[in-house]
Amino acid sequence: MPIDAAGALGAAPRVREIAWDHKDVQLYHLGIGAGRPATDPGELRYTLESRLHVLPSFATVAGGGAPGVIRALSVPGVDVDLAHVLHGGQRLRLHRPVPVRGRATAAARVVDAYDKGTAAVLVLRTEVTDADGPLWTDEAEVYVRGEGGWGGERGPSGRPSPPPAEPAEHVVERVLREDQALLYRLSGDWNPLHADPEFAARAGFERPVLHGLCSYGATLKTVVDTLLDGDVTRVRAYRTRFAGVVYPGETLRVRMWWPAGAERYGAEGGGAGEAGEVRVAVSAVERDDAPVLADTVVRYG
């Protein structure tokens, strides 16, 4: 039956205590493809505890447990088949750099529920704070096939915008491991869609697909390494829309644009005190550049 939108929106925030340390950070970084080449000084910032920096997208898995796209399904008024669920988009805003070790409180609640007719879209917002105040805010957009029809607001268009017409100023290709999904799921997303061929077939896929948040993290790492001199603390916000699937072993083509008039960082003309944003589009090379991530923006300061 359709989702009880009023029940989901009216539910009290679900609060949990989370904690993480360097091992969780290192495992996450390996799960998104860091560490190749293993002795590269730039990669050691992600893999060696004595030099460790935290890529901000680690926030999506910090503390373990189910990711936001799964936690949204345990909210009152939401009782759906996991095989009908897709991750529509993700937004992250950093209030401070993510520490290598931390303890914090995460409060999550559904803040929007849209009726697309043949589907429902839920937005789960999670606010994370520690003893020193707010750390980050993230939002997971959850698309549930077959669960619309209650007569609610349609919400914003779910159609991804096309990338800029002009050629990208930077293009980087990232080859994913065949076992990338098996490695990434150790950070807490145990959805069988990413490991079990039979479950993937029931969901309509030819084989298990990569986690959208794995592509999300790999893309942010590419932008940070390519345009921000590897300085993870410069990232202020990061958003994307999941436009298509990725299969483990494929190659991501990451295209990057500086918007007209935007300040640029590092070798591109900006300095440590300047701010701006980068537009990004990601596609799967082996499938004729099939879109993977769209409407993707990294804001830095």
C-alpha atoms as a PDB file:
ATOM      1  CA  MET A   1       0.000   0.000   0.000  1.00  0.00           C
ATOM      2  CA  PRO A   2       1.201   3.627  -0.446  1.00  0.00           C
ATOM      3  CA  ILE A   3       3.610   5.118   2.055  1.00  0.00           C
ATOM      4  CA  ASP A   4       2.005   6.929   5.011  1.00  0.00           C
ATOM      5  CA  ALA A   5       3.654  10.278   4.300  1.00  0.00           C
ATOM      6  CA  ALA A   6       2.069  12.039   7.279  1.00  0.00           C
ATOM      7  CA  GLY A   7       3.320   9.325   9.622  1.00  0.00           C
ATOM      8  CA  ALA A   8       6.837   9.467   8.184  1.00  0.00           C
ATOM      9  CA  LEU A   9       7.045  13.259   8.323  1.00  0.00           C
ATOM     10  CA  GLY A  10       5.554  13.434  11.807  1.00  0.00           C
ATOM     11  CA  ALA A  11       7.827  10.841  13.378  1.00  0.00           C
ATOM     12  CA  ALA A  12      10.293  12.021  16.016  1.00  0.00           C
ATOM     13  CA  PRO A  13      13.977  12.096  15.046  1.00  0.00           C
ATOM     14  CA  ARG A  14      15.811   8.840  15.577  1.00  0.00           C
ATOM     15  CA  VAL A  15      18.909   9.520  17.645  1.00  0.00           C
ATOM     16  CA  ARG A  16      21.926   7.252  17.907  1.00  0.00           C
ATOM     17  CA  GLU A  17      25.461   7.525  19.216  1.00  0.00           C
ATOM     18  CA  ILE A  18      28.209   6.936  16.676  1.00  0.00           C
ATOM     19  CA  ALA A  19      31.972   6.477  16.978  1.00  0.00           C
ATOM     20  CA  TRP A  20      34.823   5.838  14.568  1.00  0.00           C
ATOM     21  CA  ASP A  21      38.612   5.675  14.489  1.00  0.00           C
ATOM     22  CA  HIS A  22      41.455   5.469  11.988  1.00  0.00           C
ATOM     23  CA  LYS A  23      40.669   1.854  11.014  1.00  0.00           C
ATOM     24  CA  ASP A  24      37.150   2.824   9.886  1.00  0.00           C
ATOM     25  CA  VAL A  25      38.544   5.730   7.865  1.00  0.00           C
ATOM     26  CA  GLN A  26      41.226   3.598   6.221  1.00  0.00           C
ATOM     27  CA  LEU A  27      38.734   0.856   5.330  1.00  0.00           C
ATOM     28  CA  TYR A  28      36.395   3.418   3.785  1.00  0.00           C
ATOM     29  CA  HIS A  29      39.185   4.933   1.719  1.00  0.00           C
ATOM     30  CA  LEU A  30      40.206   1.494   0.425  1.00  0.00           C
ATOM     31  CA  GLY A  31      36.547   0.787  -0.329  1.00  0.00           C
ATOM     32  CA  ILE A  32      36.317   3.776  -2.688  1.00  0.00           C
ATOM     33  CA  GLY A  33      39.554   2.868  -4.476  1.00  0.00           C
ATOM     34  CA  ALA A  34      42.306   4.668  -2.560  1.00  0.00           C
ATOM     35  CA  GLY A  35      45.759   3.143  -2.201  1.00  0.00           C
ATOM     36  CA  ARG A  36      46.729   2.732  -5.859  1.00  0.00           C
ATOM     37  CA  PRO A  37      49.695   3.010  -6.287  1.00  0.00           C
ATOM     38  CA  ALA A  38      50.190   1.806  -2.721  1.00  0.00           C
ATOM     39  CA  THR A  39      53.391   3.801  -2.069  1.00  0.00           C
ATOM     40  CA  ASP A  40      52.281   7.043  -3.741  1.00  0.00           C
ATOM     41  CA  PRO A  41      52.607   9.868  -1.147  1.00  0.00           C
ATOM     42  CA  GLY A  42      49.236  11.220  -2.260  1.00  0.00           C
ATOM     43  CA  GLU A  43      47.581   7.872  -1.622  1.00  0.00           C
ATOM     44  CA  LEU A  44      49.297   7.379   1.728  1.00  0.00           C
ATOM     45  CA  ARG A  45      47.310  10.358   3.017  1.00  0.00           C
ATOM     46  CA  TYR A  46      44.286   8.085   2.718  1.00  0.00           C
ATOM     47  CA  THR A  47      45.792   4.777   3.840  1.00  0.00           C
ATOM     48  CA  LEU A  48      48.605   5.304   6.375  1.00  0.00           C
ATOM     49  CA  GLU A  49      47.525   6.100   9.925  1.00  0.00           C
ATOM     50  CA  SER A  50      50.516   8.386  10.612  1.00  0.00           C
ATOM     51  CA  ARG A  51      49.543  10.668   7.691  1.00  0.00           C
ATOM     52  CA  LEU A  52      45.801  10.130   7.637  1.00  0.00           C
ATOM     53  CA  HIS A  53      43.379  12.748   6.303  1.00  0.00           C
ATOM     54  CA  VAL A  54      39.621  12.088   6.210  1.00  0.00           C
ATOM     55  CA  LEU A  55      37.797  12.477   2.906  1.00  0.00           C
ATOM     56  CA  PRO A  56      34.563  14.300   3.851  1.00  0.00           C
ATOM     57  CA  SER A  57      32.336  11.702   2.155  1.00  0.00           C
ATOM     58  CA  PHE A  58      33.395   9.336   4.959  1.00  0.00           C
ATOM     59  CA  ALA A  59      30.574  11.087   6.839  1.00  0.00           C
ATOM     60  CA  THR A  60      28.077   8.891   4.952  1.00  0.00           C
ATOM     61  CA  VAL A  61      29.413   5.762   6.717  1.00  0.00           C
ATOM     62  CA  ALA A  62      30.866   7.147   9.976  1.00  0.00           C
ATOM     63  CA  GLY A  63      29.789   5.075  12.948  1.00  0.00           C
ATOM     64  CA  GLY A  64      28.807   2.088  10.823  1.00  0.00           C
ATOM     65  CA  GLY A  65      25.281   0.810  10.756  1.00  0.00           C
ATOM     66  CA  ALA A  66      22.858   1.057   7.876  1.00  0.00           C
ATOM     67  CA  PRO A  67      23.308   3.991   5.469  1.00  0.00           C
ATOM     68  CA  GLY A  68      20.705   6.737   5.275  1.00  0.00           C
ATOM     69  CA  VAL A  69      19.006   5.196   2.257  1.00  0.00           C
ATOM     70  CA  ILE A  70      18.281   2.086   4.349  1.00  0.00           C
ATOM     71  CA  ARG A  71      17.509   3.873   7.632  1.00  0.00           C
ATOM     72  CA  ALA A  72      14.791   5.843   5.846  1.00  0.00           C
ATOM     73  CA  LEU A  73      12.936   2.574   5.357  1.00  0.00           C
ATOM     74  CA  SER A  74      12.605   1.956   9.111  1.00  0.00           C
ATOM     75  CA  VAL A  75      10.719   5.194   9.758  1.00  0.00           C
ATOM     76  CA  PRO A  76       7.071   4.844  10.921  1.00  0.00           C
ATOM     77  CA  GLY A  77       4.731   4.791   7.936  1.00  0.00           C
ATOM     78  CA  VAL A  78       7.353   3.257   5.635  1.00  0.00           C
ATOM     79  CA  ASP A  79       7.163  -0.488   4.967  1.00  0.00           C
ATOM     80  CA  VAL A  80       8.491  -1.318   1.503  1.00  0.00           C
ATOM     81  CA  ASP A  81      10.325  -4.033  -0.408  1.00  0.00           C
ATOM     82  CA  LEU A  82      14.075  -3.317  -0.476  1.00  0.00           C
ATOM     83  CA  ALA A  83      14.213  -4.589  -4.060  1.00  0.00           C
ATOM     84  CA  HIS A  84      12.060  -1.588  -5.091  1.00  0.00           C
ATOM     85  CA  VAL A  85      14.375   0.977  -3.511  1.00  0.00           C
ATOM     86  CA  LEU A  86      16.890   3.149  -5.374  1.00  0.00           C
ATOM     87  CA  HIS A  87      19.211   5.813  -4.013  1.00  0.00           C
ATOM     88  CA  GLY A  88      18.174   8.979  -5.849  1.00  0.00           C
ATOM     89  CA  GLY A  89      20.659  11.534  -4.555  1.00  0.00           C
ATOM     90  CA  GLN A  90      22.929  12.612  -1.735  1.00  0.00           C
ATOM     91  CA  ARG A  91      23.796  15.995  -0.215  1.00  0.00           C
ATOM     92  CA  LEU A  92      26.475  16.720   2.384  1.00  0.00           C
ATOM     93  CA  ARG A  93      27.356  19.947   4.192  1.00  0.00           C
ATOM     94  CA  LEU A  94      30.444  20.105   6.395  1.00  0.00           C
ATOM     95  CA  HIS A  95      30.472  22.374   9.444  1.00  0.00           C
ATOM     96  CA  ARG A  96      34.039  21.350  10.366  1.00  0.00           C
ATOM     97  CA  PRO A  97      36.601  18.909   8.963  1.00  0.00           C
ATOM     98  CA  VAL A  98      35.801  15.299   9.894  1.00  0.00           C
ATOM     99  CA  PRO A  99      38.289  14.108  12.550  1.00  0.00           C
ATOM    100  CA  VAL A 100      40.223  10.847  12.261  1.00  0.00           C
ATOM    101  CA  ARG A 101      38.659   9.683  15.536  1.00  0.00           C
ATOM    102  CA  GLY A 102      35.372  10.826  16.945  1.00  0.00           C
ATOM    103  CA  ARG A 103      32.248  10.285  19.016  1.00  0.00           C
ATOM    104  CA  ALA A 104      29.057  12.063  18.075  1.00  0.00           C
ATOM    105  CA  THR A 105      25.275  12.041  18.152  1.00  0.00           C
ATOM    106  CA  ALA A 106      23.361  11.518  14.896  1.00  0.00           C
ATOM    107  CA  ALA A 107      19.703  12.601  14.725  1.00  0.00           C
ATOM    108  CA  ALA A 108      17.813  11.509  11.593  1.00  0.00           C
ATOM    109  CA  ARG A 109      14.306  12.262  10.386  1.00  0.00           C
ATOM    110  CA  VAL A 110      12.328  12.322   7.141  1.00  0.00           C
ATOM    111  CA  VAL A 111      12.002  15.985   6.102  1.00  0.00           C
ATOM    112  CA  ASP A 112      10.263  15.561   2.729  1.00  0.00           C
ATOM    113  CA  ALA A 113       7.986  12.969   1.101  1.00  0.00           C
ATOM    114  CA  TYR A 114       7.012  13.382  -2.553  1.00  0.00           C
ATOM    115  CA  ASP A 115       4.367  11.545  -4.546  1.00  0.00           C
ATOM    116  CA  LYS A 116       5.566  10.848  -8.087  1.00  0.00           C
ATOM    117  CA  GLY A 117       2.472   8.807  -8.955  1.00  0.00           C
ATOM    118  CA  THR A 118       4.207   5.535  -9.742  1.00  0.00           C
ATOM    119  CA  ALA A 119       6.841   6.051  -7.058  1.00  0.00           C
ATOM    120  CA  ALA A 120       7.586   7.832  -3.797  1.00  0.00           C
ATOM    121  CA  VAL A 121      10.612   9.927  -2.891  1.00  0.00           C
ATOM    122  CA  LEU A 122      11.695  10.312   0.737  1.00  0.00           C
ATOM    123  CA  VAL A 123      14.401  12.686   1.980  1.00  0.00           C
ATOM    124  CA  LEU A 124      16.150  11.610   5.186  1.00  0.00           C
ATOM    125  CA  ARG A 125      18.200  14.340   6.869  1.00  0.00           C
ATOM    126  CA  THR A 126      20.831  13.453   9.461  1.00  0.00           C
ATOM    127  CA  GLU A 127      22.372  16.087  11.749  1.00  0.00           C
ATOM    128  CA  VAL A 128      25.610  15.043  13.439  1.00  0.00           C
ATOM    129  CA  THR A 129      27.069  16.868  16.442  1.00  0.00           C
ATOM    130  CA  ASP A 130      29.866  16.188  18.899  1.00  0.00           C
ATOM    131  CA  ALA A 131      30.956  17.838  22.146  1.00  0.00           C
ATOM    132  CA  ASP A 132      32.226  20.867  20.204  1.00  0.00           C
ATOM    133  CA  GLY A 133      29.042  21.427  18.189  1.00  0.00           C
ATOM    134  CA  PRO A 134      27.739  20.584  14.690  1.00  0.00           C
ATOM    135  CA  LEU A 135      29.983  18.388  12.530  1.00  0.00           C
ATOM    136  CA  TRP A 136      27.994  17.720   9.370  1.00  0.00           C
ATOM    137  CA  THR A 137      24.521  17.480   7.847  1.00  0.00           C
ATOM    138  CA  ASP A 138      23.686  14.949   5.175  1.00  0.00           C
ATOM    139  CA  GLU A 139      20.554  14.153   3.209  1.00  0.00           C
ATOM    140  CA  ALA A 140      19.741  10.923   1.402  1.00  0.00           C
ATOM    141  CA  GLU A 141      17.067  10.973  -1.296  1.00  0.00           C
ATOM    142  CA  VAL A 142      15.316   7.600  -1.496  1.00  0.00           C
ATOM    143  CA  TYR A 143      13.284   6.585  -4.567  1.00  0.00           C
ATOM    144  CA  VAL A 144      10.757   3.790  -3.972  1.00  0.00           C
ATOM    145  CA  ARG A 145       9.156   2.272  -7.069  1.00  0.00           C
ATOM    146  CA  GLY A 146       5.441   1.462  -6.891  1.00  0.00           C
ATOM    147  CA  GLU A 147       4.793   3.370  -3.650  1.00  0.00           C
ATOM    148  CA  GLY A 148       3.271   6.658  -4.871  1.00  0.00           C
ATOM    149  CA  GLY A 149      -0.379   7.473  -5.405  1.00  0.00           C
ATOM    150  CA  TRP A 150      -1.460   9.005  -2.095  1.00  0.00           C
ATOM    151  CA  GLY A 151      -2.132  12.404  -3.674  1.00  0.00           C
ATOM    152  CA  GLY A 152       0.803  14.242  -2.132  1.00  0.00           C
ATOM    153  CA  GLU A 153       3.035  16.984  -3.495  1.00  0.00           C
ATOM    154  CA  ARG A 154       5.121  15.912  -6.510  1.00  0.00           C
ATOM    155  CA  GLY A 155       8.154  17.895  -5.425  1.00  0.00           C
ATOM    156  CA  PRO A 156      11.043  18.992  -7.646  1.00  0.00           C
ATOM    157  CA  SER A 157      11.747  17.272 -10.954  1.00  0.00           C
ATOM    158  CA  GLY A 158      13.734  14.073 -10.666  1.00  0.00           C
ATOM    159  CA  ARG A 159      15.270  14.475 -14.110  1.00  0.00           C
ATOM    160  CA  PRO A 160      19.034  15.092 -13.998  1.00  0.00           C
ATOM    161  CA  SER A 161      20.242  18.204 -15.792  1.00  0.00           C
ATOM    162  CA  PRO A 162      22.602  17.691 -18.738  1.00  0.00           C
ATOM    163  CA  PRO A 163      26.284  18.506 -18.153  1.00  0.00           C
ATOM    164  CA  PRO A 164      27.684  21.809 -19.489  1.00  0.00           C
ATOM    165  CA  ALA A 165      27.869  21.968 -23.282  1.00  0.00           C
ATOM    166  CA  GLU A 166      31.488  23.129 -23.332  1.00  0.00           C
ATOM    167  CA  PRO A 167      34.335  20.587 -23.045  1.00  0.00           C
ATOM    168  CA  ALA A 168      35.386  19.738 -19.499  1.00  0.00           C
ATOM    169  CA  GLU A 169      38.520  21.489 -18.274  1.00  0.00           C
ATOM    170  CA  HIS A 170      39.719  18.335 -16.523  1.00  0.00           C
ATOM    171  CA  VAL A 171      38.956  14.684 -17.312  1.00  0.00           C
ATOM    172  CA  VAL A 172      40.181  11.829 -15.117  1.00  0.00           C
ATOM    173  CA  GLU A 173      39.464   8.107 -15.495  1.00  0.00           C
ATOM    174  CA  ARG A 174      39.300   5.830 -12.469  1.00  0.00           C
ATOM    175  CA  VAL A 175      39.339   2.042 -12.917  1.00  0.00           C
ATOM    176  CA  LEU A 176      37.280   0.234 -10.282  1.00  0.00           C
ATOM    177  CA  ARG A 177      38.248  -3.132  -8.832  1.00  0.00           C
ATOM    178  CA  GLU A 178      36.212  -6.214  -9.667  1.00  0.00           C
ATOM    179  CA  ASP A 179      35.640  -6.669  -5.940  1.00  0.00           C
ATOM    180  CA  GLN A 180      35.046  -2.977  -5.215  1.00  0.00           C
ATOM    181  CA  ALA A 181      31.479  -3.508  -3.962  1.00  0.00           C
ATOM    182  CA  LEU A 182      32.543  -6.405  -1.723  1.00  0.00           C
ATOM    183  CA  LEU A 183      35.191  -4.193  -0.153  1.00  0.00           C
ATOM    184  CA  TYR A 184      33.008  -1.101   0.173  1.00  0.00           C
ATOM    185  CA  ARG A 185      30.141  -2.973   1.857  1.00  0.00           C
ATOM    186  CA  LEU A 186      32.427  -3.698   4.834  1.00  0.00           C
ATOM    187  CA  SER A 187      31.864  -0.052   5.836  1.00  0.00           C
ATOM    188  CA  GLY A 188      28.250  -0.906   6.695  1.00  0.00           C
ATOM    189  CA  ASP A 189      25.997  -1.115   3.624  1.00  0.00           C
ATOM    190  CA  TRP A 190      25.056  -4.806   3.527  1.00  0.00           C
ATOM    191  CA  ASN A 191      22.319  -4.467   0.909  1.00  0.00           C
ATOM    192  CA  PRO A 192      22.488  -7.768  -1.064  1.00  0.00           C
ATOM    193  CA  LEU A 193      21.935  -5.793  -4.280  1.00  0.00           C
ATOM    194  CA  HIS A 194      25.677  -5.174  -4.241  1.00  0.00           C
ATOM    195  CA  ALA A 195      26.813  -8.767  -3.716  1.00  0.00           C
ATOM    196  CA  ASP A 196      24.093 -11.353  -4.422  1.00  0.00           C
ATOM    197  CA  PRO A 197      23.472 -12.101  -8.137  1.00  0.00           C
ATOM    198  CA  GLU A 198      20.017 -13.568  -7.455  1.00  0.00           C
ATOM    199  CA  PHE A 199      18.887 -10.522  -5.478  1.00  0.00           C
ATOM    200  CA  ALA A 200      20.278  -8.201  -8.148  1.00  0.00           C
ATOM    201  CA  ALA A 201      18.327 -10.103 -10.824  1.00  0.00           C
ATOM    202  CA  ARG A 202      15.121  -9.754  -8.775  1.00  0.00           C
ATOM    203  CA  ALA A 203      15.747  -6.009  -8.660  1.00  0.00           C
ATOM    204  CA  GLY A 204      16.128  -5.926 -12.456  1.00  0.00           C
ATOM    205  CA  PHE A 205      19.921  -5.828 -12.844  1.00  0.00           C
ATOM    206  CA  GLU A 206      22.089  -8.191 -14.857  1.00  0.00           C
ATOM    207  CA  ARG A 207      24.521  -8.565 -11.940  1.00  0.00           C
ATOM    208  CA  PRO A 208      25.310  -6.913  -8.592  1.00  0.00           C
ATOM    209  CA  VAL A 209      25.864  -3.177  -8.890  1.00  0.00           C
ATOM    210  CA  LEU A 210      28.252  -0.874  -7.095  1.00  0.00           C
ATOM    211  CA  HIS A 211      26.961   1.218  -4.214  1.00  0.00           C
ATOM    212  CA  GLY A 212      26.041   4.705  -5.356  1.00  0.00           C
ATOM    213  CA  LEU A 213      27.869   6.103  -2.338  1.00  0.00           C
ATOM    214  CA  CYS A 214      31.025   4.310  -3.451  1.00  0.00           C
ATOM    215  CA  SER A 215      30.931   6.166  -6.779  1.00  0.00           C
ATOM    216  CA  TYR A 216      30.092   9.290  -4.768  1.00  0.00           C
ATOM    217  CA  GLY A 217      33.199   8.917  -2.612  1.00  0.00           C
ATOM    218  CA  ALA A 218      35.485   7.979  -5.508  1.00  0.00           C
ATOM    219  CA  THR A 219      34.339  11.068  -7.383  1.00  0.00           C
ATOM    220  CA  LEU A 220      34.978  13.423  -4.471  1.00  0.00           C
ATOM    221  CA  LYS A 221      38.460  11.948  -4.044  1.00  0.00           C
ATOM    222  CA  THR A 222      39.126  12.583  -7.729  1.00  0.00           C
ATOM    223  CA  VAL A 223      38.082  16.230  -7.440  1.00  0.00           C
ATOM    224  CA  VAL A 224      40.105  16.789  -4.247  1.00  0.00           C
ATOM    225  CA  ASP A 225      43.231  15.164  -5.701  1.00  0.00           C
ATOM    226  CA  THR A 226      42.924  16.867  -9.094  1.00  0.00           C
ATOM    227  CA  LEU A 227      41.802  20.387  -8.212  1.00  0.00           C
ATOM    228  CA  LEU A 228      42.287  20.978  -4.472  1.00  0.00           C
ATOM    229  CA  ASP A 229      45.887  19.770  -4.119  1.00  0.00           C
ATOM    230  CA  GLY A 230      44.677  16.828  -2.042  1.00  0.00           C
ATOM    231  CA  ASP A 231      43.476  19.142   0.735  1.00  0.00           C
ATOM    232  CA  VAL A 232      40.354  17.429   2.102  1.00  0.00           C
ATOM    233  CA  THR A 233      39.733  20.230   4.615  1.00  0.00           C
ATOM    234  CA  ARG A 234      38.800  22.623   1.775  1.00  0.00           C
ATOM    235  CA  VAL A 235      35.548  20.798   0.990  1.00  0.00           C
ATOM    236  CA  ARG A 236      32.513  22.638   2.337  1.00  0.00           C
ATOM    237  CA  ALA A 237      29.625  20.849   0.614  1.00  0.00           C
ATOM    238  CA  TYR A 238      29.055  18.096  -1.931  1.00  0.00           C
ATOM    239  CA  ARG A 239      25.900  17.025  -3.708  1.00  0.00           C
ATOM    240  CA  THR A 240      24.937  14.663  -6.508  1.00  0.00           C
ATOM    241  CA  ARG A 241      22.071  12.899  -8.208  1.00  0.00           C
ATOM    242  CA  PHE A 242      22.476   9.208  -9.038  1.00  0.00           C
ATOM    243  CA  ALA A 243      21.757   9.014 -12.764  1.00  0.00           C
ATOM    244  CA  GLY A 244      22.687   5.402 -13.502  1.00  0.00           C
ATOM    245  CA  VAL A 245      24.309   2.261 -12.161  1.00  0.00           C
ATOM    246  CA  VAL A 246      27.967   1.278 -12.071  1.00  0.00           C
ATOM    247  CA  TYR A 247      29.182  -2.301 -12.228  1.00  0.00           C
ATOM    248  CA  PRO A 248      32.341  -3.299 -10.329  1.00  0.00           C
ATOM    249  CA  GLY A 249      35.345  -3.452 -12.646  1.00  0.00           C
ATOM    250  CA  GLU A 250      34.147  -0.591 -14.848  1.00  0.00           C
ATOM    251  CA  THR A 251      35.977   2.682 -15.433  1.00  0.00           C
ATOM    252  CA  LEU A 252      34.563   5.977 -14.184  1.00  0.00           C
ATOM    253  CA  ARG A 253      35.150   9.003 -16.396  1.00  0.00           C
ATOM    254  CA  VAL A 254      35.086  12.093 -14.177  1.00  0.00           C
ATOM    255  CA  ARG A 255      34.664  15.413 -15.995  1.00  0.00           C
ATOM    256  CA  MET A 256      35.164  18.688 -14.119  1.00  0.00           C
ATOM    257  CA  TRP A 257      34.244  22.298 -14.928  1.00  0.00           C
ATOM    258  CA  TRP A 258      34.893  25.608 -13.175  1.00  0.00           C
ATOM    259  CA  PRO A 259      31.713  27.705 -13.461  1.00  0.00           C
ATOM    260  CA  ALA A 260      32.158  31.065 -15.169  1.00  0.00           C
ATOM    261  CA  GLY A 261      33.367  33.635 -12.663  1.00  0.00           C
ATOM    262  CA  ALA A 262      34.122  31.104  -9.920  1.00  0.00           C
ATOM    263  CA  GLU A 263      37.277  31.414  -7.854  1.00  0.00           C
ATOM    264  CA  ARG A 264      39.810  28.656  -8.479  1.00  0.00           C
ATOM    265  CA  TYR A 265      42.048  26.883  -6.036  1.00  0.00           C
ATOM    266  CA  GLY A 266      45.742  25.982  -6.067  1.00  0.00           C
ATOM    267  CA  ALA A 267      47.481  25.707  -9.421  1.00  0.00           C
ATOM    268  CA  GLU A 268      44.290  26.842 -11.156  1.00  0.00           C
ATOM    269  CA  GLY A 269      44.642  30.359  -9.805  1.00  0.00           C
ATOM    270  CA  GLY A 270      43.079  30.456  -6.320  1.00  0.00           C
ATOM    271  CA  GLY A 271      44.614  30.651  -2.888  1.00  0.00           C
ATOM    272  CA  ALA A 272      44.023  29.210   0.546  1.00  0.00           C
ATOM    273  CA  GLY A 273      41.569  31.938   1.499  1.00  0.00           C
ATOM    274  CA  GLU A 274      39.425  31.801  -1.633  1.00  0.00           C
ATOM    275  CA  ALA A 275      36.258  29.847  -2.288  1.00  0.00           C
ATOM    276  CA  GLY A 276      34.297  28.508  -5.201  1.00  0.00           C
ATOM    277  CA  GLU A 277      32.716  25.426  -6.656  1.00  0.00           C
ATOM    278  CA  VAL A 278      33.352  22.751  -9.254  1.00  0.00           C
ATOM    279  CA  ARG A 279      30.699  21.131 -11.441  1.00  0.00           C
ATOM    280  CA  VAL A 280      31.197  17.436 -12.123  1.00  0.00           C
ATOM    281  CA  ALA A 281      29.681  14.741 -14.343  1.00  0.00           C
ATOM    282  CA  VAL A 282      30.562  11.048 -14.127  1.00  0.00           C
ATOM    283  CA  SER A 283      29.971   8.325 -16.702  1.00  0.00           C
ATOM    284  CA  ALA A 284      30.837   4.660 -17.289  1.00  0.00           C
ATOM    285  CA  VAL A 285      33.474   4.419 -20.027  1.00  0.00           C
ATOM    286  CA  GLU A 286      32.740   0.839 -21.088  1.00  0.00           C
ATOM    287  CA  ARG A 287      29.040   1.573 -21.696  1.00  0.00           C
ATOM    288  CA  ASP A 288      29.454   4.464 -24.134  1.00  0.00           C
ATOM    289  CA  ASP A 289      29.707   7.039 -21.355  1.00  0.00           C
ATOM    290  CA  ALA A 290      26.405   6.044 -19.761  1.00  0.00           C
ATOM    291  CA  PRO A 291      25.627   8.692 -17.074  1.00  0.00           C
ATOM    292  CA  VAL A 292      26.435   7.711 -13.489  1.00  0.00           C
ATOM    293  CA  LEU A 293      26.400  10.925 -11.437  1.00  0.00           C
ATOM    294  CA  ALA A 294      24.651  14.124 -12.546  1.00  0.00           C
ATOM    295  CA  ASP A 295      23.926  17.560 -11.063  1.00  0.00           C
ATOM    296  CA  THR A 296      27.129  17.109  -9.079  1.00  0.00           C
ATOM    297  CA  VAL A 297      28.749  20.088  -7.345  1.00  0.00           C
ATOM    298  CA  VAL A 298      31.708  20.311  -4.952  1.00  0.00           C
ATOM    299  CA  ARG A 299      31.884  23.562  -2.999  1.00  0.00           C
ATOM    300  CA  TYR A 300      35.193  24.456  -1.376  1.00  0.00           C
ATOM    301  CA  GLY A 301      36.540  27.244   0.803  1.00  0.00           C
END
